[in-house]
Amino acid sequence: METRVAVIGIIVEKPESAEKVNAVLHDYSDYIIGRMGIPYRQKGISIISIAMDAPQDAISALSGKLGRIPGVGVKAAFAKSF
């Protein structure tokens, strides 16, 4: 199956949503190349970036599941096909 490289940006505005975010990310851990999390204490949010190499459907599914968690914003950016 063809895979794509993508970066997913996640902003967690509700601290109580962090556990659900981590659970969803764990479900897709086979596709995750790397992860960086930054707590922005002054604003009370967390910023997470995820680098992935996965089928298009898996990236879209992950983004969708994260976006349905209350207090979580998600955007994905894809690399051009090689």
N, C-alpha and C. Protein backbone atom coordinates (compact mmCIF):
# COMPACT_ATOMS: atom_id res chain seq x y z
N MET A 1 0.84 -1.18 0.00
CA MET A 1 0.00 0.00 0.00
C MET A 1 0.89 1.25 0.00
N GLU A 2 0.53 2.21 -0.81
CA GLU A 2 1.30 3.45 -0.90
C GLU A 2 1.09 4.31 0.35
N THR A 3 2.19 4.89 0.81
CA THR A 3 2.11 5.75 1.99
C THR A 3 2.47 7.18 1.62
N ARG A 4 2.10 8.09 2.50
CA ARG A 4 2.43 9.50 2.35
C ARG A 4 3.07 10.00 3.63
N VAL A 5 3.91 11.00 3.46
CA VAL A 5 4.52 11.64 4.62
C VAL A 5 3.67 12.86 4.95
N ALA A 6 3.36 13.02 6.23
CA ALA A 6 2.51 14.13 6.65
C ALA A 6 2.94 14.63 8.02
N VAL A 7 2.57 15.86 8.29
CA VAL A 7 2.74 16.45 9.61
C VAL A 7 1.35 16.82 10.10
N ILE A 8 1.04 16.42 11.31
CA ILE A 8 -0.24 16.77 11.91
C ILE A 8 0.03 17.71 13.07
N GLY A 9 -0.61 18.87 13.03
CA GLY A 9 -0.52 19.85 14.12
C GLY A 9 -1.74 19.73 15.00
N ILE A 10 -1.52 19.63 16.29
CA ILE A 10 -2.61 19.44 17.26
C ILE A 10 -2.49 20.50 18.34
N ILE A 11 -3.60 21.18 18.63
CA ILE A 11 -3.65 22.11 19.76
C ILE A 11 -4.70 21.61 20.74
N VAL A 12 -4.24 21.34 21.96
CA VAL A 12 -5.13 20.85 23.02
C VAL A 12 -5.44 22.02 23.94
N GLU A 13 -6.70 22.46 23.90
CA GLU A 13 -7.13 23.61 24.70
C GLU A 13 -7.72 23.21 26.05
N LYS A 14 -8.10 21.95 26.18
CA LYS A 14 -8.66 21.45 27.44
C LYS A 14 -7.74 20.36 27.98
N PRO A 15 -7.08 20.61 29.11
CA PRO A 15 -6.14 19.62 29.66
C PRO A 15 -6.76 18.24 29.87
N GLU A 16 -8.05 18.20 30.17
CA GLU A 16 -8.71 16.91 30.40
C GLU A 16 -8.83 16.07 29.12
N SER A 17 -8.58 16.67 27.95
CA SER A 17 -8.63 15.95 26.69
C SER A 17 -7.30 15.27 26.35
N ALA A 18 -6.25 15.58 27.07
CA ALA A 18 -4.91 15.07 26.75
C ALA A 18 -4.85 13.54 26.79
N GLU A 19 -5.52 12.94 27.74
CA GLU A 19 -5.49 11.48 27.85
C GLU A 19 -6.12 10.83 26.62
N LYS A 20 -7.22 11.39 26.13
CA LYS A 20 -7.87 10.85 24.93
C LYS A 20 -6.97 11.03 23.71
N VAL A 21 -6.31 12.19 23.62
CA VAL A 21 -5.39 12.44 22.51
C VAL A 21 -4.28 11.40 22.51
N ASN A 22 -3.68 11.15 23.66
CA ASN A 22 -2.61 10.17 23.77
C ASN A 22 -3.08 8.76 23.42
N ALA A 23 -4.30 8.42 23.79
CA ALA A 23 -4.84 7.10 23.47
C ALA A 23 -4.99 6.92 21.96
N VAL A 24 -5.50 7.95 21.29
CA VAL A 24 -5.66 7.88 19.83
C VAL A 24 -4.29 7.80 19.15
N LEU A 25 -3.34 8.60 19.61
CA LEU A 25 -2.00 8.56 19.02
C LEU A 25 -1.37 7.18 19.21
N HIS A 26 -1.60 6.57 20.35
CA HIS A 26 -1.07 5.22 20.60
C HIS A 26 -1.62 4.22 19.58
N ASP A 27 -2.89 4.37 19.21
CA ASP A 27 -3.51 3.47 18.24
C ASP A 27 -2.82 3.55 16.87
N TYR A 28 -2.19 4.67 16.57
CA TYR A 28 -1.54 4.88 15.27
C TYR A 28 -0.01 4.92 15.40
N SER A 29 0.52 4.40 16.49
CA SER A 29 1.95 4.51 16.76
C SER A 29 2.83 3.83 15.71
N ASP A 30 2.31 2.83 15.02
CA ASP A 30 3.09 2.15 13.98
C ASP A 30 3.44 3.09 12.83
N TYR A 31 2.65 4.13 12.63
CA TYR A 31 2.85 5.07 11.53
C TYR A 31 3.60 6.33 11.94
N ILE A 32 3.77 6.55 13.23
CA ILE A 32 4.36 7.80 13.71
C ILE A 32 5.88 7.73 13.65
N ILE A 33 6.47 8.69 12.94
CA ILE A 33 7.93 8.79 12.82
C ILE A 33 8.48 9.51 14.05
N GLY A 34 7.81 10.57 14.46
CA GLY A 34 8.26 11.35 15.60
C GLY A 34 7.16 12.23 16.14
N ARG A 35 7.37 12.69 17.37
CA ARG A 35 6.35 13.50 18.04
C ARG A 35 7.06 14.55 18.90
N MET A 36 6.50 15.76 18.89
CA MET A 36 7.03 16.82 19.75
C MET A 36 5.84 17.50 20.44
N GLY A 37 5.92 17.61 21.75
CA GLY A 37 4.87 18.28 22.50
C GLY A 37 5.43 19.46 23.26
N ILE A 38 4.71 20.56 23.20
CA ILE A 38 5.15 21.79 23.88
C ILE A 38 4.00 22.31 24.74
N PRO A 39 4.17 22.32 26.06
CA PRO A 39 3.15 22.95 26.89
C PRO A 39 3.34 24.46 26.86
N TYR A 40 2.29 25.18 26.53
CA TYR A 40 2.34 26.64 26.49
C TYR A 40 1.56 27.13 27.71
N ARG A 41 2.24 27.17 28.84
CA ARG A 41 1.59 27.43 30.12
C ARG A 41 0.92 28.80 30.19
N GLN A 42 1.53 29.81 29.57
CA GLN A 42 0.95 31.16 29.61
C GLN A 42 -0.46 31.20 28.99
N LYS A 43 -0.69 30.36 28.01
CA LYS A 43 -2.00 30.31 27.35
C LYS A 43 -2.86 29.14 27.82
N GLY A 44 -2.27 28.23 28.60
CA GLY A 44 -3.03 27.08 29.11
C GLY A 44 -3.35 26.05 28.05
N ILE A 45 -2.50 25.93 27.03
CA ILE A 45 -2.71 24.96 25.96
C ILE A 45 -1.47 24.11 25.78
N SER A 46 -1.63 23.04 25.02
CA SER A 46 -0.49 22.21 24.62
C SER A 46 -0.48 22.14 23.10
N ILE A 47 0.73 22.20 22.54
CA ILE A 47 0.90 22.13 21.09
C ILE A 47 1.69 20.87 20.79
N ILE A 48 1.13 20.03 19.91
CA ILE A 48 1.76 18.75 19.58
C ILE A 48 1.91 18.68 18.06
N SER A 49 3.09 18.26 17.61
CA SER A 49 3.28 18.00 16.19
C SER A 49 3.68 16.54 16.01
N ILE A 50 3.08 15.92 15.01
CA ILE A 50 3.30 14.51 14.73
C ILE A 50 3.78 14.37 13.29
N ALA A 51 4.90 13.69 13.09
CA ALA A 51 5.38 13.35 11.75
C ALA A 51 4.98 11.90 11.48
N MET A 52 4.36 11.65 10.31
CA MET A 52 3.86 10.32 10.00
C MET A 52 4.27 9.87 8.60
N ASP A 53 4.36 8.58 8.43
CA ASP A 53 4.48 7.96 7.12
C ASP A 53 3.43 6.86 7.11
N ALA A 54 2.31 7.11 6.43
CA ALA A 54 1.16 6.22 6.54
C ALA A 54 0.31 6.30 5.28
N PRO A 55 -0.58 5.32 5.08
CA PRO A 55 -1.54 5.45 3.99
C PRO A 55 -2.43 6.68 4.21
N GLN A 56 -2.87 7.28 3.13
CA GLN A 56 -3.72 8.47 3.19
C GLN A 56 -4.92 8.25 4.12
N ASP A 57 -5.53 7.08 4.03
CA ASP A 57 -6.71 6.79 4.86
C ASP A 57 -6.39 6.81 6.35
N ALA A 58 -5.22 6.31 6.72
CA ALA A 58 -4.84 6.29 8.14
C ALA A 58 -4.59 7.70 8.66
N ILE A 59 -3.97 8.54 7.84
CA ILE A 59 -3.72 9.93 8.25
C ILE A 59 -5.03 10.67 8.42
N SER A 60 -5.94 10.48 7.48
CA SER A 60 -7.25 11.14 7.56
C SER A 60 -8.05 10.63 8.76
N ALA A 61 -7.98 9.33 9.00
CA ALA A 61 -8.71 8.75 10.13
C ALA A 61 -8.18 9.29 11.45
N LEU A 62 -6.85 9.36 11.58
CA LEU A 62 -6.25 9.90 12.80
C LEU A 62 -6.67 11.35 13.00
N SER A 63 -6.56 12.15 11.96
CA SER A 63 -6.96 13.56 12.07
C SER A 63 -8.42 13.70 12.46
N GLY A 64 -9.27 12.88 11.87
CA GLY A 64 -10.70 12.94 12.18
C GLY A 64 -11.00 12.55 13.62
N LYS A 65 -10.37 11.49 14.09
CA LYS A 65 -10.60 11.04 15.47
C LYS A 65 -10.12 12.10 16.46
N LEU A 66 -8.97 12.69 16.19
CA LEU A 66 -8.47 13.74 17.08
C LEU A 66 -9.38 14.96 17.06
N GLY A 67 -9.86 15.33 15.89
CA GLY A 67 -10.71 16.50 15.75
C GLY A 67 -12.05 16.38 16.44
N ARG A 68 -12.49 15.14 16.68
CA ARG A 68 -13.77 14.93 17.38
C ARG A 68 -13.64 14.98 18.90
N ILE A 69 -12.43 15.08 19.40
CA ILE A 69 -12.23 15.19 20.85
C ILE A 69 -12.50 16.64 21.25
N PRO A 70 -13.36 16.86 22.25
CA PRO A 70 -13.66 18.24 22.67
C PRO A 70 -12.41 19.00 23.10
N GLY A 71 -12.28 20.22 22.62
CA GLY A 71 -11.16 21.07 23.00
C GLY A 71 -9.87 20.80 22.25
N VAL A 72 -9.97 20.07 21.12
CA VAL A 72 -8.78 19.72 20.34
C VAL A 72 -8.96 20.23 18.91
N GLY A 73 -7.94 20.95 18.42
CA GLY A 73 -7.91 21.41 17.04
C GLY A 73 -6.82 20.68 16.28
N VAL A 74 -7.08 20.31 15.03
CA VAL A 74 -6.15 19.48 14.25
C VAL A 74 -6.07 19.99 12.81
N LYS A 75 -4.86 19.99 12.27
CA LYS A 75 -4.63 20.28 10.84
C LYS A 75 -3.54 19.33 10.36
N ALA A 76 -3.67 18.87 9.11
CA ALA A 76 -2.66 18.00 8.52
C ALA A 76 -2.09 18.66 7.27
N ALA A 77 -0.79 18.47 7.08
CA ALA A 77 -0.10 18.95 5.87
C ALA A 77 0.64 17.77 5.28
N PHE A 78 0.51 17.58 3.98
CA PHE A 78 1.09 16.42 3.31
C PHE A 78 2.27 16.83 2.43
N ALA A 79 3.27 15.96 2.38
CA ALA A 79 4.38 16.15 1.46
C ALA A 79 3.89 15.82 0.05
N LYS A 80 4.51 16.42 -0.94
CA LYS A 80 4.17 16.08 -2.32
C LYS A 80 4.56 14.63 -2.57
N SER A 81 3.83 13.98 -3.45
CA SER A 81 4.14 12.59 -3.77
C SER A 81 5.53 12.47 -4.37
N PHE A 82 6.20 11.40 -4.06
CA PHE A 82 7.56 11.18 -4.57
C PHE A 82 7.51 10.30 -5.78
